[in-house]
Protein backbone atom coordinates (compact mmCIF):
# COMPACT_ATOMS: atom_id res chain seq x y z
CA ASP A 1 74.12 54.76 -10.36
CA GLN A 2 77.66 56.14 -10.66
CA SER A 3 76.35 59.23 -12.46
CA LEU A 4 74.82 60.38 -9.16
CA THR A 5 77.96 59.97 -7.05
CA LEU A 6 79.08 63.28 -5.56
CA ARG A 7 82.75 63.30 -4.61
CA THR A 8 84.47 66.03 -2.65
CA ASP A 9 87.79 66.67 -0.98
CA ALA A 10 86.18 69.40 1.13
CA VAL A 11 86.60 67.44 4.35
CA GLY A 12 86.97 70.19 6.94
CA ALA A 13 85.84 69.74 10.49
CA ARG A 14 82.67 71.78 9.83
CA HIS A 15 81.54 69.73 6.82
CA PHE A 16 78.09 68.31 7.62
CA ILE A 17 77.09 64.86 6.41
CA ALA A 18 73.88 62.84 6.73
CA VAL A 19 72.79 59.33 5.78
CA HIS A 20 69.03 58.80 5.76
CA GLY A 21 66.53 56.03 6.29
CA ARG A 22 62.82 55.97 7.05
CA ARG A 23 63.37 55.24 10.74
CA SER A 24 66.94 56.27 11.49
CA ILE A 25 69.74 58.61 10.49
CA ILE A 26 73.50 59.12 10.87
CA ASP A 27 74.55 62.75 10.77
CA GLY A 28 76.98 65.27 12.16
CA TYR A 29 80.29 67.06 11.75
CA ALA A 30 83.63 65.29 11.72
CA ALA A 31 85.01 67.50 14.50
CA GLU A 32 82.36 66.56 17.06
CA GLY A 33 81.85 63.04 15.74
CA LEU A 34 78.71 61.52 14.30
CA GLU A 35 75.29 61.11 15.89
CA MET A 36 73.11 58.03 15.47
CA TRP A 37 69.34 58.39 15.71
CA ALA A 38 66.47 55.90 15.59
CA TYR A 39 63.41 58.12 15.78
CA PRO A 40 62.67 59.57 18.26
CA PHE A 41 65.80 58.39 20.14
CA GLN A 42 69.38 59.55 19.94
CA ILE A 43 71.43 56.41 20.52
CA LEU A 44 74.97 57.80 20.27
CA ARG A 45 76.80 61.06 19.85
CA GLY A 46 80.47 61.85 19.40
CA TYR A 47 81.13 58.71 17.37
CA GLN A 48 84.79 58.82 16.26
CA VAL A 49 87.39 56.34 15.13
CA ALA A 50 91.16 56.06 15.14
CA PHE A 51 93.54 53.64 13.40
CA ARG A 52 96.49 51.80 14.95
CA GLU A 53 98.91 49.69 12.95
CA HIS A 54 100.12 46.50 14.61
CA GLY A 55 103.46 47.02 16.24
CA THR A 56 102.78 50.67 17.04
CA THR A 57 101.50 52.26 20.24
CA THR A 58 99.94 55.48 18.97
CA ALA A 59 96.61 55.56 17.16
CA ILE A 60 96.01 58.00 14.31
CA ASN A 61 92.86 60.10 14.65
CA ALA A 62 90.67 59.48 11.62
CA GLN A 63 89.75 63.14 11.19
CA ASP A 64 93.44 64.02 10.75
CA ILE A 65 93.75 61.82 7.65
CA LEU A 66 90.27 62.18 6.11
CA SER A 67 90.87 62.88 2.42
CA ARG A 68 87.59 62.37 0.53
CA ILE A 69 83.84 61.99 0.95
CA ASP A 70 81.65 60.20 -1.60
CA TYR A 71 77.90 60.82 -1.47
CA GLU A 72 75.55 58.29 -3.01
CA PRO A 73 71.77 58.13 -2.68
CA GLY A 74 71.97 55.12 -0.35
CA SER A 75 75.17 55.74 1.60
CA VAL A 76 78.11 58.02 2.35
CA THR A 77 81.71 56.80 2.19
CA ARG A 78 84.64 58.56 3.84
CA THR A 79 88.18 57.69 2.73
CA TYR A 80 91.15 57.97 5.08
CA LEU A 81 94.76 57.96 3.82
CA GLY A 82 97.29 56.81 6.42
CA PRO A 83 101.09 56.58 6.14
CA ASP A 84 100.88 53.19 4.40
CA PHE A 85 97.22 52.21 4.61
CA VAL A 86 93.84 53.27 3.23
CA VAL A 87 90.54 52.91 5.07
CA ARG A 88 87.11 53.34 3.48
CA GLU A 89 84.28 53.91 5.94
CA GLU A 90 80.80 53.29 4.50
CA LEU A 91 77.91 54.79 6.50
CA PHE A 92 74.66 52.98 5.74
CA VAL A 93 71.16 53.19 7.22
CA PRO A 94 68.56 50.54 6.28
CA LEU A 95 65.49 51.78 4.47
CA ASP A 96 62.96 50.72 7.09
CA GLN A 97 64.81 49.50 10.19
CA PRO A 98 65.77 51.54 13.29
CA GLY A 99 69.48 50.90 13.02
CA ALA A 100 72.75 51.54 11.18
CA ILE A 101 75.68 49.63 9.71
CA LEU A 102 79.17 51.16 9.47
CA THR A 103 81.62 49.20 7.32
CA TYR A 104 85.40 49.62 7.35
CA SER A 105 87.46 48.33 4.41
CA ILE A 106 91.24 48.38 4.93
CA LYS A 107 94.06 48.11 2.44
CA SER A 108 97.41 47.87 4.17
CA LYS A 109 100.69 45.95 4.11
CA SER A 110 100.36 45.28 7.84
CA PRO A 111 97.24 44.75 9.98
CA VAL A 112 95.41 47.86 11.20
CA ASP A 113 93.05 47.91 14.17
CA ILE A 114 90.17 50.38 14.37
CA GLU A 115 89.48 52.02 17.71
CA VAL A 116 85.89 53.22 18.15
CA HIS A 117 84.71 55.67 20.80
CA ALA A 118 81.25 57.17 21.30
CA ILE A 119 79.12 58.69 24.00
CA PRO A 120 76.02 56.59 24.73
CA VAL A 121 72.84 58.65 25.02
CA LEU A 122 69.57 56.70 24.55
CA ASN A 123 67.55 59.85 25.07
CA LEU A 124 64.53 61.32 23.34
CA MET A 125 64.48 64.15 20.87
CA TRP A 126 64.09 67.56 22.50
CA PRO A 127 62.08 68.68 24.44
CA ALA A 128 61.29 65.22 25.86
CA ALA A 129 63.83 63.39 27.98
CA LEU A 130 64.37 60.20 29.91
CA GLY A 131 66.56 59.67 32.97
CA GLY A 132 68.47 56.79 34.49
CA GLN A 133 70.02 55.30 31.35
CA SER A 134 72.88 52.86 31.73
CA PHE A 135 75.07 50.73 29.49
CA ALA A 136 76.85 47.43 29.99
CA TRP A 137 78.82 44.94 27.94
CA GLU A 138 76.89 41.84 26.89
CA SER A 139 79.36 39.11 25.95
CA SER A 140 76.73 36.85 24.36
CA LEU A 141 76.07 39.58 21.77
CA GLY A 142 79.57 40.99 21.47
CA ALA A 143 78.03 44.41 22.07
CA PHE A 144 77.16 47.12 24.53
CA VAL A 145 73.51 47.23 25.58
CA LEU A 146 72.10 50.68 26.41
CA SER A 147 68.99 50.61 28.57
CA GLU A 148 66.62 52.68 30.65
CA PRO A 149 64.37 50.85 33.12
CA ALA A 150 61.41 53.23 33.40
CA HIS A 151 59.97 52.52 29.94
CA GLY A 152 62.03 49.49 28.95
CA PHE A 153 63.79 50.94 25.91
CA THR A 154 67.09 49.34 24.87
CA ALA A 155 69.65 49.79 22.10
CA VAL A 156 72.60 47.64 21.07
CA VAL A 157 76.00 48.78 19.72
CA GLY A 158 78.64 46.25 18.77
CA SER A 159 80.20 43.91 16.24
CA PRO A 160 81.35 40.32 15.73
CA ASP A 161 84.73 41.89 14.87
CA ILE A 162 85.39 43.35 18.34
CA VAL A 163 88.63 42.04 19.86
CA ALA A 164 88.76 44.33 22.90
CA HIS A 165 86.37 46.64 24.72
CA ASP A 166 86.33 49.03 27.64
CA ASP A 167 84.77 47.96 30.91
CA ALA A 168 81.52 49.91 31.12
CA GLY A 169 80.88 48.81 34.68
CA ASN A 170 77.16 49.43 34.10
CA ARG A 171 77.73 53.13 34.77
CA THR A 172 74.76 55.46 34.80
CA MET A 173 75.06 57.73 31.79
CA GLN A 174 73.10 60.78 32.94
CA GLY A 175 75.41 63.11 34.84
CA ALA A 176 78.39 60.89 34.13
CA GLY A 177 80.24 63.66 32.31
CA ASP A 178 82.25 62.25 29.45
CA ALA A 179 81.36 58.59 30.09
CA GLU A 180 81.83 56.76 26.81
CA LEU A 181 81.91 53.32 25.34
CA GLY A 182 84.94 52.11 23.44
CA PHE A 183 86.02 49.02 21.56
CA THR A 184 88.59 47.80 19.05
CA LEU A 185 87.74 46.21 15.70
CA ARG A 186 90.04 43.80 13.87
CA SER A 187 89.29 43.07 10.22
CA ASP A 188 88.67 39.63 8.83
CA ALA A 189 90.82 38.08 6.10
CA SER A 190 89.17 40.27 3.48
CA GLY A 191 90.09 43.45 5.36
CA ILE A 192 86.49 44.18 6.35
CA SER A 193 85.02 44.98 9.77
CA ARG A 194 81.65 46.40 10.71
CA VAL A 195 79.75 48.14 13.50
CA PHE A 196 76.04 47.43 13.98
CA ILE A 197 73.63 49.69 15.87
CA ALA A 198 70.04 48.68 16.66
CA MET A 199 67.19 50.39 18.53
CA ASN A 200 64.57 48.18 20.19
CA PRO A 201 60.93 48.89 21.03
CA ALA A 202 59.90 49.22 24.66
CA HIS A 203 60.12 46.01 26.69
CA ALA A 204 61.57 44.00 23.81
CA ALA A 205 61.51 40.30 24.71
CA ASP A 206 64.90 39.80 23.05
CA PRO A 207 67.07 42.97 23.04
CA GLY A 208 69.47 41.32 20.62
CA ALA A 209 66.93 40.32 17.95
CA LEU A 210 67.31 43.33 15.63
CA PHE A 211 71.07 43.50 16.23
CA ARG A 212 71.47 39.90 15.06
CA ALA A 213 69.08 40.53 12.15
CA LEU A 214 71.20 43.46 10.93
CA ILE A 215 74.27 41.20 10.93
CA ARG A 216 72.41 38.38 9.19
CA ASP A 217 70.51 40.48 6.63
CA GLN A 218 72.98 43.26 5.84
CA ASP A 219 73.29 42.32 2.15
CA ALA A 220 69.51 42.02 1.76
CA LEU A 221 69.04 45.41 3.43
CA ARG A 222 71.38 47.04 0.93
CA THR A 223 69.53 45.33 -1.91
CA GLU A 224 66.23 46.63 -0.53
CA THR A 225 67.55 50.19 -0.43
CA THR A 226 68.89 49.96 -3.98
CA ALA A 227 65.61 48.52 -5.26
CA HIS A 228 63.63 51.28 -3.55
CA LEU A 229 65.83 54.02 -5.02
CA ASN A 230 65.53 52.51 -8.50
CA GLU A 231 61.76 52.23 -8.18
CA TYR A 232 61.51 55.81 -6.93
CA ARG A 233 63.69 57.25 -9.69
CA ASN A 234 61.70 55.36 -12.32
CA ARG A 235 58.44 56.68 -10.88
CA VAL A 236 59.26 60.38 -10.61
CA LEU A 237 59.89 62.93 -13.35
CA ARG A 238 63.17 62.42 -15.20
CA VAL A 239 64.66 65.62 -16.62
CA GLU A 240 67.46 65.41 -19.16
CA THR A 241 69.29 68.47 -20.46
CA PRO A 242 72.59 68.83 -22.38
CA ASP A 243 74.27 69.67 -19.04
CA ASP A 244 75.12 66.63 -16.89
CA GLN A 245 75.53 68.78 -13.78
CA VAL A 246 72.03 70.20 -14.17
CA ASN A 247 70.65 66.68 -14.63
CA ARG A 248 72.43 65.51 -11.49
CA ALA A 249 71.22 68.48 -9.47
CA ILE A 250 67.59 67.85 -10.42
CA ALA A 251 67.92 64.13 -9.66
CA TRP A 252 69.44 64.85 -6.25
CA ALA A 253 66.66 67.33 -5.48
CA GLU A 254 64.17 64.51 -5.99
CA ILE A 255 66.29 62.09 -3.95
CA ALA A 256 66.44 64.66 -1.14
CA LEU A 257 62.63 64.65 -1.05
CA ASP A 258 62.61 60.89 -0.69
CA GLN A 259 65.28 61.00 2.02
CA ALA A 260 63.22 63.50 4.02
CA TRP A 261 60.30 61.05 4.27
CA VAL A 262 60.44 59.72 7.83
CA CYS A 263 58.32 57.16 9.70
CA ASN A 264 57.89 57.75 13.42
CA PRO A 265 56.60 54.74 15.40
CA ASP A 266 54.15 56.91 17.39
CA LEU A 267 53.20 59.68 14.95
CA GLY A 268 53.24 58.12 11.49
CA CYS A 269 55.05 59.00 8.25
CA GLY A 270 55.66 62.45 6.82
CA TYR A 271 58.29 64.89 5.62
CA VAL A 272 60.78 66.29 8.14
CA ALA A 273 62.93 69.39 7.88
CA GLY A 274 65.75 71.28 9.55
CA TYR A 275 68.55 68.72 9.62
CA GLY A 276 71.41 69.64 11.90
CA PRO A 277 73.50 68.24 14.75
CA SER A 278 72.64 68.56 18.40
CA ARG A 279 73.50 71.81 20.17
CA GLY A 280 73.57 71.39 23.91
CA ALA A 281 70.15 70.21 25.04
CA ARG A 282 68.67 70.70 21.56
CA ARG A 283 68.60 67.12 20.34
CA PRO A 284 68.91 67.53 17.31
CA GLN A 285 68.39 70.79 15.41
CA TYR A 286 65.70 69.94 14.21
CA ASP A 287 64.63 66.92 12.16
CA TRP A 288 61.03 67.63 13.20
CA PHE A 289 57.73 67.47 11.37
CA PHE A 290 56.80 70.97 10.18
CA ALA A 291 53.50 71.30 8.33
CA GLY A 292 54.71 74.34 6.36
CA ASP A 293 57.90 72.62 5.23
CA GLY A 294 55.89 69.46 4.60
CA LEU A 295 53.53 71.36 2.31
CA THR A 296 56.50 72.82 0.44
CA ALA A 297 57.86 69.27 0.05
CA ALA A 298 54.42 68.01 -1.02
CA ASP A 299 54.26 70.78 -3.63
CA ALA A 300 57.69 69.73 -4.92
CA SER A 301 56.57 66.09 -4.95
CA ILE A 302 53.58 67.03 -7.11
CA SER A 303 55.98 68.72 -9.56
CA ALA A 304 58.15 65.60 -9.54
CA GLY A 305 55.17 63.33 -10.20
CA ASP A 306 55.43 61.62 -6.80
CA TYR A 307 51.71 61.72 -6.10
CA ILE A 308 51.94 58.93 -3.51
CA HIS A 309 54.00 60.95 -1.04
CA SER A 310 52.21 64.22 -1.80
CA ARG A 311 48.86 62.68 -0.92
CA ASP A 312 50.27 60.84 2.11
CA GLU A 313 51.80 64.10 3.38
CA LEU A 314 48.46 65.91 3.09
CA ALA A 315 46.76 63.06 4.95
CA PHE A 316 49.49 63.13 7.63
CA ILE A 317 49.00 66.85 8.14
CA LEU A 318 45.22 66.43 8.35
CA ARG A 319 45.62 63.80 11.06
CA TYR A 320 46.77 66.49 13.50
CA GLN A 321 44.49 69.32 12.37
CA ASP A 322 42.71 71.19 15.18
CA ARG A 323 39.23 69.70 14.72
CA ARG A 324 37.63 72.48 16.76
CA THR A 325 38.92 75.41 14.68
CA GLY A 326 40.10 73.69 11.50
CA MET A 327 43.55 75.23 11.95
CA ILE A 328 46.56 73.43 10.50
CA TRP A 329 49.49 72.91 12.87
CA HIS A 330 52.99 74.36 12.59
CA GLU A 331 55.54 72.01 14.18
CA MET A 332 55.77 68.70 15.98
CA SER A 333 58.79 67.15 17.66
CA GLN A 334 59.36 63.50 16.91
CA SER A 335 58.95 62.92 20.65
CA ALA A 336 55.43 64.38 20.58
CA GLY A 337 53.89 60.93 20.80
CA LEU A 338 55.51 60.37 24.19
CA ILE A 339 54.67 63.71 25.83
CA ASP A 340 51.68 66.05 26.16
CA TRP A 341 52.74 68.04 23.11
CA VAL A 342 49.48 69.89 22.56
CA GLY A 343 48.71 70.56 26.21
CA LYS A 344 52.08 71.58 27.65
CA TYR A 345 54.08 72.95 24.72
CA PRO A 346 52.99 76.12 22.88
CA TYR A 347 54.47 75.27 19.52
CA MET A 348 51.89 73.34 17.55
CA TYR A 349 49.40 75.98 16.38
CA VAL A 350 51.35 79.22 16.05
CA HIS A 351 51.25 80.01 12.31
CA VAL A 352 47.77 80.71 10.95
CA ASP A 353 49.11 81.14 7.41
CA ILE A 354 49.77 77.39 7.11
CA THR A 355 46.02 76.77 6.96
CA PHE A 356 45.81 78.72 3.71
CA GLN A 357 48.99 77.12 2.40
CA PHE A 358 47.35 73.76 3.05
CA LEU A 359 44.27 74.66 1.01
CA GLY A 360 46.43 75.81 -1.89
CA THR A 361 48.48 72.59 -1.89
CA VAL A 362 45.33 70.45 -1.80
CA ALA A 363 44.03 72.38 -4.80
CA ARG A 364 47.27 71.82 -6.71
CA TYR A 365 47.31 68.11 -5.84
CA VAL A 366 43.70 67.61 -7.01
CA THR A 367 44.30 69.61 -10.18
CA ALA A 368 47.41 67.58 -11.03
CA THR A 369 45.97 64.14 -10.20
CA GLY A 370 42.23 64.42 -10.67
CA ASP A 371 41.85 62.84 -7.22
CA ILE A 372 38.43 64.38 -6.53
CA ALA A 373 37.68 61.70 -3.94
CA PHE A 374 40.50 62.99 -1.73
CA ALA A 375 39.11 66.54 -1.86
CA ARG A 376 35.63 65.30 -0.99
CA GLU A 377 36.98 63.24 1.88
């Protein structure tokens, strides 16, 4: 829907962007490079690109020629204007897959290669952590494979369009300073090249399965996202005023609610809050489940007529209620399913007021929907 496209030439180094899916996200500032997450893992940080025209020896840093950012409900596109070329970088996250697809479209009189650099991480969201991660080039996939042996988690970063890559040497990432992976993309005849990022479950029998599926199904994944957004917009309240900007703002507020709905493989699905890039050991800041913020989102969802997510959020919050006292919890890291969150971390039950907020939101939900059975349950 072109009416929802937000276009800006405010492209400074401190301009935050985010592209959302149920199970993964791309976010960050241009200056530090992007981060790629597949909950609860950070796969990459410091993702940056540069462009080198054939016949030249010096690459042009993408941030230096970033001229425009287009926000759409299902993707973000950054446009780079070079001396005699234009590159459009589309950042896309599938609706329900732990991965990402970054597409580069080039218009140029002469060929332009894209140099990609990123710091491999494969670490859990704070405060959990894993050690001993490594990465190595896998020629059969045309990709780097990130791995950690203790729990058997792996991630894949690569592309069929890679024409050169750095020698990783299977270096251990932790404590390796600025160890990074790098590769060069060369566009096909249509001027298109892509990067695919996939996160695998523990002890995946075939680490390349999702990576290959993203390549194979990329068009279907975009269609799925578009269909979901259309279904969602048709289901929620549609407000029309004489002011197009007001209409767009209300529509984006509803889209933001949908984007904040996250599915964690260990904890379940609920609203998250506090988007922000990593700061030191704080990976990220926050993108956690907060019951108070979730209740605020549920209240907004009731106003928007999205009774499905409002009820599911209330049920999600109830799942982690303190059954002994009845108290509703405050916050939960997306890594909580992999650590002793309740026993060793003092964050979960620290705001007694959320219990009363919960009761008020349940009352509003039942009043709006007539769902007496939920209240009785």
